[in-house]
């Protein structure tokens, strides 16, 4: 099954990003495909390499980058939501790219399911 994911909450203020990451990783481990994760609203804050959590805390951004590298997951940051929050190409973590809502629509069309995390 092909599963698209949308994340609309930031990495450390809500459990949505953690839940989305764990869901994606588990789906892949179970043999499903996760071709794209779309970061929308405050979810775009998952994409910045400027995040520096304490050493004893999880690094949400690095986990997403590693998932993209290891499994070819397309991590798309909404351009409009990103611009409103100061997210630009030069501060994106590895594996993330900026694009428009058309990428979310495309994921909804091409995937068997589109699962959303956050409000």
N, C-alpha and C. Protein backbone atom coordinates (compact mmCIF):
# COMPACT_ATOMS: atom_id res chain seq x y z
N UNK A 1 0.84 -1.18 0.00
CA UNK A 1 0.00 0.00 0.00
C UNK A 1 0.89 1.24 0.00
N UNK A 2 0.51 2.23 -0.79
CA UNK A 2 1.21 3.51 -0.81
C UNK A 2 0.50 4.47 0.14
N UNK A 3 1.27 5.03 1.07
CA UNK A 3 0.70 5.91 2.09
C UNK A 3 1.38 7.27 2.03
N UNK A 4 0.59 8.31 1.83
CA UNK A 4 1.07 9.68 1.91
C UNK A 4 0.79 10.21 3.31
N UNK A 5 1.63 11.11 3.77
CA UNK A 5 1.48 11.65 5.13
C UNK A 5 1.55 13.17 5.08
N UNK A 6 0.70 13.82 5.89
CA UNK A 6 0.77 15.26 6.08
C UNK A 6 0.98 15.54 7.56
N UNK A 7 1.95 16.41 7.86
CA UNK A 7 2.26 16.80 9.24
C UNK A 7 2.02 18.30 9.35
N UNK A 8 1.16 18.70 10.29
CA UNK A 8 0.83 20.13 10.41
C UNK A 8 1.14 20.71 11.79
N UNK A 9 1.98 20.05 12.55
CA UNK A 9 2.41 20.56 13.87
C UNK A 9 3.93 20.55 13.95
N UNK A 10 4.47 21.44 14.75
CA UNK A 10 5.92 21.55 14.92
C UNK A 10 6.51 20.36 15.64
N UNK A 11 7.83 20.27 15.66
CA UNK A 11 8.50 19.08 16.18
C UNK A 11 8.50 18.92 17.69
N UNK A 12 8.40 19.98 18.46
CA UNK A 12 8.55 19.84 19.90
C UNK A 12 7.38 20.40 20.71
N UNK A 13 6.35 20.91 20.04
CA UNK A 13 5.23 21.47 20.79
C UNK A 13 3.98 20.60 20.73
N UNK A 14 4.06 19.48 20.06
CA UNK A 14 2.90 18.61 19.87
C UNK A 14 3.42 17.22 19.50
N UNK A 15 2.68 16.18 19.79
CA UNK A 15 3.13 14.83 19.49
C UNK A 15 2.94 14.43 18.03
N UNK A 16 2.32 15.28 17.23
CA UNK A 16 1.99 14.92 15.85
C UNK A 16 3.21 14.51 15.03
N UNK A 17 4.30 15.24 15.14
CA UNK A 17 5.49 14.91 14.35
C UNK A 17 6.08 13.57 14.76
N UNK A 18 6.19 13.35 16.08
CA UNK A 18 6.69 12.06 16.55
C UNK A 18 5.80 10.92 16.08
N UNK A 19 4.49 11.11 16.20
CA UNK A 19 3.56 10.06 15.78
C UNK A 19 3.65 9.80 14.27
N UNK A 20 3.77 10.87 13.49
CA UNK A 20 3.88 10.72 12.04
C UNK A 20 5.16 9.97 11.67
N UNK A 21 6.27 10.33 12.30
CA UNK A 21 7.54 9.66 12.02
C UNK A 21 7.46 8.17 12.38
N UNK A 22 6.95 7.87 13.57
CA UNK A 22 6.85 6.47 13.99
C UNK A 22 5.91 5.68 13.09
N UNK A 23 4.82 6.33 12.67
CA UNK A 23 3.88 5.69 11.74
C UNK A 23 4.57 5.39 10.41
N UNK A 24 5.29 6.37 9.87
CA UNK A 24 5.97 6.19 8.58
C UNK A 24 7.01 5.08 8.66
N UNK A 25 7.82 5.12 9.71
CA UNK A 25 8.86 4.11 9.87
C UNK A 25 8.26 2.71 10.00
N UNK A 26 7.22 2.58 10.78
CA UNK A 26 6.57 1.29 10.98
C UNK A 26 5.91 0.80 9.68
N UNK A 27 5.27 1.71 8.96
CA UNK A 27 4.64 1.32 7.68
C UNK A 27 5.69 0.78 6.72
N UNK A 28 6.84 1.45 6.65
CA UNK A 28 7.91 0.99 5.77
C UNK A 28 8.44 -0.37 6.22
N UNK A 29 8.62 -0.53 7.53
CA UNK A 29 9.09 -1.82 8.07
C UNK A 29 8.12 -2.95 7.76
N UNK A 30 6.82 -2.63 7.67
CA UNK A 30 5.80 -3.64 7.39
C UNK A 30 5.62 -3.87 5.88
N UNK A 31 6.45 -3.21 5.05
CA UNK A 31 6.41 -3.45 3.62
C UNK A 31 5.59 -2.46 2.81
N UNK A 32 5.05 -1.44 3.45
CA UNK A 32 4.30 -0.42 2.72
C UNK A 32 5.25 0.63 2.17
N UNK A 33 4.76 1.43 1.26
CA UNK A 33 5.54 2.50 0.67
C UNK A 33 5.04 3.84 1.21
N UNK A 34 5.98 4.72 1.57
CA UNK A 34 5.65 6.09 1.98
C UNK A 34 6.41 7.02 1.03
N UNK A 35 5.80 7.31 -0.12
CA UNK A 35 6.52 8.10 -1.11
C UNK A 35 6.72 9.57 -0.74
N UNK A 36 5.79 10.13 0.06
CA UNK A 36 5.90 11.56 0.36
C UNK A 36 5.33 11.88 1.74
N UNK A 37 6.04 12.80 2.42
CA UNK A 37 5.52 13.42 3.64
C UNK A 37 5.46 14.92 3.35
N UNK A 38 4.29 15.51 3.53
CA UNK A 38 4.08 16.93 3.26
C UNK A 38 3.96 17.67 4.58
N UNK A 39 4.79 18.68 4.77
CA UNK A 39 4.80 19.46 6.01
C UNK A 39 4.07 20.77 5.75
N UNK A 40 3.03 21.01 6.55
CA UNK A 40 2.11 22.13 6.33
C UNK A 40 1.92 22.88 7.63
N UNK A 41 1.45 24.11 7.56
CA UNK A 41 1.26 24.97 8.74
C UNK A 41 2.51 24.94 9.61
N UNK A 42 2.37 24.77 10.93
CA UNK A 42 3.55 24.74 11.81
C UNK A 42 4.41 23.51 11.59
N UNK A 43 3.92 22.54 10.85
CA UNK A 43 4.70 21.36 10.53
C UNK A 43 5.97 21.67 9.75
N UNK A 44 6.00 22.83 9.08
CA UNK A 44 7.20 23.20 8.32
C UNK A 44 8.40 23.37 9.24
N UNK A 45 8.17 23.58 10.53
CA UNK A 45 9.28 23.74 11.47
C UNK A 45 10.03 22.43 11.70
N UNK A 46 9.53 21.33 11.19
CA UNK A 46 10.24 20.05 11.24
C UNK A 46 11.42 20.01 10.27
N UNK A 47 11.51 20.98 9.40
CA UNK A 47 12.47 20.92 8.29
C UNK A 47 13.74 21.74 8.48
N UNK A 48 13.84 22.52 9.51
CA UNK A 48 14.96 23.44 9.62
C UNK A 48 16.18 22.82 10.31
N UNK A 49 17.33 23.01 9.70
CA UNK A 49 18.57 22.51 10.29
C UNK A 49 19.03 23.39 11.45
N UNK A 50 18.30 24.46 11.73
CA UNK A 50 18.66 25.35 12.84
C UNK A 50 18.22 24.79 14.19
N UNK A 51 17.41 23.74 14.17
CA UNK A 51 16.96 23.10 15.40
C UNK A 51 18.13 22.41 16.08
N UNK A 52 18.32 22.69 17.37
CA UNK A 52 19.40 22.06 18.13
C UNK A 52 18.88 21.62 19.50
N UNK A 53 18.24 20.44 19.55
CA UNK A 53 17.74 19.96 20.84
C UNK A 53 18.89 19.54 21.75
N UNK A 54 18.64 19.48 23.06
CA UNK A 54 19.67 19.00 23.98
C UNK A 54 20.12 17.59 23.59
N UNK A 55 21.34 17.23 23.98
CA UNK A 55 21.90 15.92 23.60
C UNK A 55 21.09 14.75 24.09
N UNK A 56 20.40 14.90 25.23
CA UNK A 56 19.63 13.78 25.77
C UNK A 56 18.19 13.74 25.24
N UNK A 57 17.87 14.60 24.28
CA UNK A 57 16.53 14.63 23.69
C UNK A 57 16.60 14.10 22.26
N UNK A 58 15.48 13.67 21.73
CA UNK A 58 15.43 13.18 20.36
C UNK A 58 15.60 14.35 19.39
N UNK A 59 16.22 14.08 18.25
CA UNK A 59 16.38 15.09 17.22
C UNK A 59 15.39 14.77 16.11
N UNK A 60 14.24 15.40 16.17
CA UNK A 60 13.14 15.10 15.25
C UNK A 60 13.55 15.37 13.81
N UNK A 61 14.22 16.49 13.57
CA UNK A 61 14.61 16.85 12.20
C UNK A 61 15.56 15.80 11.62
N UNK A 62 16.54 15.38 12.39
CA UNK A 62 17.49 14.38 11.91
C UNK A 62 16.81 13.05 11.62
N UNK A 63 15.80 12.70 12.43
CA UNK A 63 15.09 11.44 12.17
C UNK A 63 14.40 11.48 10.81
N UNK A 64 13.75 12.62 10.49
CA UNK A 64 13.10 12.74 9.18
C UNK A 64 14.14 12.67 8.06
N UNK A 65 15.26 13.38 8.22
CA UNK A 65 16.31 13.36 7.20
C UNK A 65 16.82 11.95 6.96
N UNK A 66 17.03 11.21 8.03
CA UNK A 66 17.52 9.83 7.91
C UNK A 66 16.50 8.94 7.21
N UNK A 67 15.21 9.13 7.51
CA UNK A 67 14.16 8.35 6.85
C UNK A 67 14.17 8.62 5.34
N UNK A 68 14.34 9.87 4.97
CA UNK A 68 14.40 10.22 3.55
C UNK A 68 15.60 9.59 2.87
N UNK A 69 16.74 9.65 3.54
CA UNK A 69 17.97 9.10 2.97
C UNK A 69 17.90 7.59 2.81
N UNK A 70 17.41 6.90 3.83
CA UNK A 70 17.40 5.44 3.82
C UNK A 70 16.30 4.83 2.97
N UNK A 71 15.17 5.55 2.83
CA UNK A 71 14.01 4.94 2.17
C UNK A 71 13.47 5.76 1.00
N UNK A 72 14.15 6.83 0.63
CA UNK A 72 13.73 7.61 -0.52
C UNK A 72 12.43 8.36 -0.34
N UNK A 73 12.09 8.68 0.89
CA UNK A 73 10.85 9.42 1.17
C UNK A 73 11.05 10.88 0.75
N UNK A 74 10.11 11.41 0.00
CA UNK A 74 10.14 12.79 -0.46
C UNK A 74 9.56 13.68 0.65
N UNK A 75 10.40 14.51 1.28
CA UNK A 75 9.97 15.39 2.36
C UNK A 75 9.72 16.78 1.78
N UNK A 76 8.45 17.15 1.67
CA UNK A 76 8.07 18.40 1.01
C UNK A 76 7.55 19.40 2.03
N UNK A 77 8.11 20.60 1.98
CA UNK A 77 7.73 21.70 2.86
C UNK A 77 6.86 22.68 2.06
N UNK A 78 5.68 23.00 2.57
CA UNK A 78 4.79 23.94 1.89
C UNK A 78 5.46 25.31 1.80
N UNK A 79 5.54 25.84 0.59
CA UNK A 79 6.24 27.10 0.38
C UNK A 79 5.55 28.26 1.09
N UNK A 80 4.23 28.34 1.03
CA UNK A 80 3.52 29.45 1.66
C UNK A 80 3.66 29.41 3.18
N UNK A 81 3.45 28.24 3.76
CA UNK A 81 3.59 28.10 5.22
C UNK A 81 5.03 28.33 5.64
N UNK A 82 5.97 27.86 4.83
CA UNK A 82 7.38 28.04 5.13
C UNK A 82 7.79 29.51 5.10
N UNK A 83 7.36 30.22 4.08
CA UNK A 83 7.71 31.63 3.96
C UNK A 83 7.16 32.44 5.14
N UNK A 84 5.95 32.11 5.58
CA UNK A 84 5.37 32.81 6.73
C UNK A 84 6.18 32.60 8.00
N UNK A 85 6.94 31.51 8.04
CA UNK A 85 7.71 31.17 9.25
C UNK A 85 9.22 31.32 9.05
N UNK A 86 9.61 31.93 7.96
CA UNK A 86 11.03 32.18 7.71
C UNK A 86 11.82 30.98 7.24
N UNK A 87 11.13 29.95 6.76
CA UNK A 87 11.80 28.76 6.26
C UNK A 87 12.15 28.97 4.79
N UNK A 88 13.44 28.93 4.49
CA UNK A 88 13.92 29.10 3.12
C UNK A 88 14.84 27.93 2.77
N UNK A 89 15.15 27.80 1.49
CA UNK A 89 15.99 26.69 1.02
C UNK A 89 17.31 26.57 1.77
N UNK A 90 17.90 27.71 2.14
CA UNK A 90 19.23 27.68 2.74
C UNK A 90 19.25 27.15 4.17
N UNK A 91 18.09 27.04 4.83
CA UNK A 91 18.09 26.50 6.19
C UNK A 91 17.40 25.13 6.28
N UNK A 92 17.08 24.55 5.14
CA UNK A 92 16.46 23.23 5.15
C UNK A 92 17.47 22.15 5.50
N UNK A 93 17.03 21.21 6.32
CA UNK A 93 17.85 20.05 6.66
C UNK A 93 17.94 19.14 5.44
N UNK A 94 18.92 18.26 5.39
CA UNK A 94 19.05 17.32 4.26
C UNK A 94 17.77 16.49 4.07
N UNK A 95 17.41 16.31 2.81
CA UNK A 95 16.25 15.49 2.47
C UNK A 95 14.96 16.28 2.29
N UNK A 96 14.93 17.52 2.77
CA UNK A 96 13.73 18.36 2.65
C UNK A 96 13.83 19.23 1.40
N UNK A 97 12.67 19.54 0.83
CA UNK A 97 12.62 20.49 -0.28
C UNK A 97 11.34 21.31 -0.17
N UNK A 98 11.36 22.49 -0.74
CA UNK A 98 10.21 23.39 -0.70
C UNK A 98 9.42 23.24 -2.00
N UNK A 99 8.10 23.18 -1.87
CA UNK A 99 7.23 23.12 -3.04
C UNK A 99 5.84 23.58 -2.62
N UNK A 100 4.89 23.49 -3.54
CA UNK A 100 3.54 23.98 -3.28
C UNK A 100 2.55 22.91 -2.89
N UNK A 101 1.32 23.36 -2.66
CA UNK A 101 0.24 22.46 -2.26
C UNK A 101 -0.08 21.40 -3.31
N UNK A 102 0.33 21.64 -4.54
CA UNK A 102 0.12 20.64 -5.59
C UNK A 102 0.75 19.31 -5.23
N UNK A 103 1.85 19.35 -4.47
CA UNK A 103 2.52 18.11 -4.05
C UNK A 103 1.65 17.32 -3.07
N UNK A 104 0.89 18.04 -2.24
CA UNK A 104 -0.03 17.37 -1.32
C UNK A 104 -1.19 16.74 -2.10
N UNK A 105 -1.73 17.50 -3.04
CA UNK A 105 -2.81 16.98 -3.88
C UNK A 105 -2.34 15.75 -4.66
N UNK A 106 -1.14 15.83 -5.22
CA UNK A 106 -0.59 14.70 -5.97
C UNK A 106 -0.45 13.47 -5.08
N UNK A 107 0.02 13.67 -3.86
CA UNK A 107 0.15 12.54 -2.93
C UNK A 107 -1.23 11.93 -2.65
N UNK A 108 -2.23 12.77 -2.49
CA UNK A 108 -3.58 12.28 -2.24
C UNK A 108 -4.13 11.47 -3.40
N UNK A 109 -3.75 11.85 -4.60
CA UNK A 109 -4.22 11.15 -5.80
C UNK A 109 -3.44 9.85 -6.02
N UNK A 110 -2.13 9.90 -5.87
CA UNK A 110 -1.28 8.76 -6.20
C UNK A 110 -1.19 7.70 -5.11
N UNK A 111 -1.49 8.08 -3.87
CA UNK A 111 -1.38 7.12 -2.76
C UNK A 111 -2.73 6.47 -2.49
N UNK A 112 -2.67 5.30 -1.88
CA UNK A 112 -3.90 4.61 -1.49
C UNK A 112 -4.55 5.28 -0.29
N UNK A 113 -3.73 5.86 0.57
CA UNK A 113 -4.21 6.56 1.76
C UNK A 113 -3.39 7.82 1.97
N UNK A 114 -4.04 8.86 2.52
CA UNK A 114 -3.35 10.07 2.95
C UNK A 114 -3.69 10.25 4.42
N UNK A 115 -2.69 10.12 5.27
CA UNK A 115 -2.89 10.17 6.71
C UNK A 115 -2.35 11.51 7.22
N UNK A 116 -3.15 12.20 8.03
CA UNK A 116 -2.74 13.50 8.55
C UNK A 116 -2.45 13.41 10.05
N UNK A 117 -1.46 14.18 10.47
CA UNK A 117 -1.06 14.27 11.87
C UNK A 117 -1.03 15.73 12.26
N UNK A 118 -1.81 16.09 13.28
CA UNK A 118 -1.91 17.47 13.73
C UNK A 118 -3.28 18.05 13.39
N UNK A 119 -3.47 19.27 13.83
CA UNK A 119 -4.78 19.93 13.61
C UNK A 119 -5.00 20.32 12.19
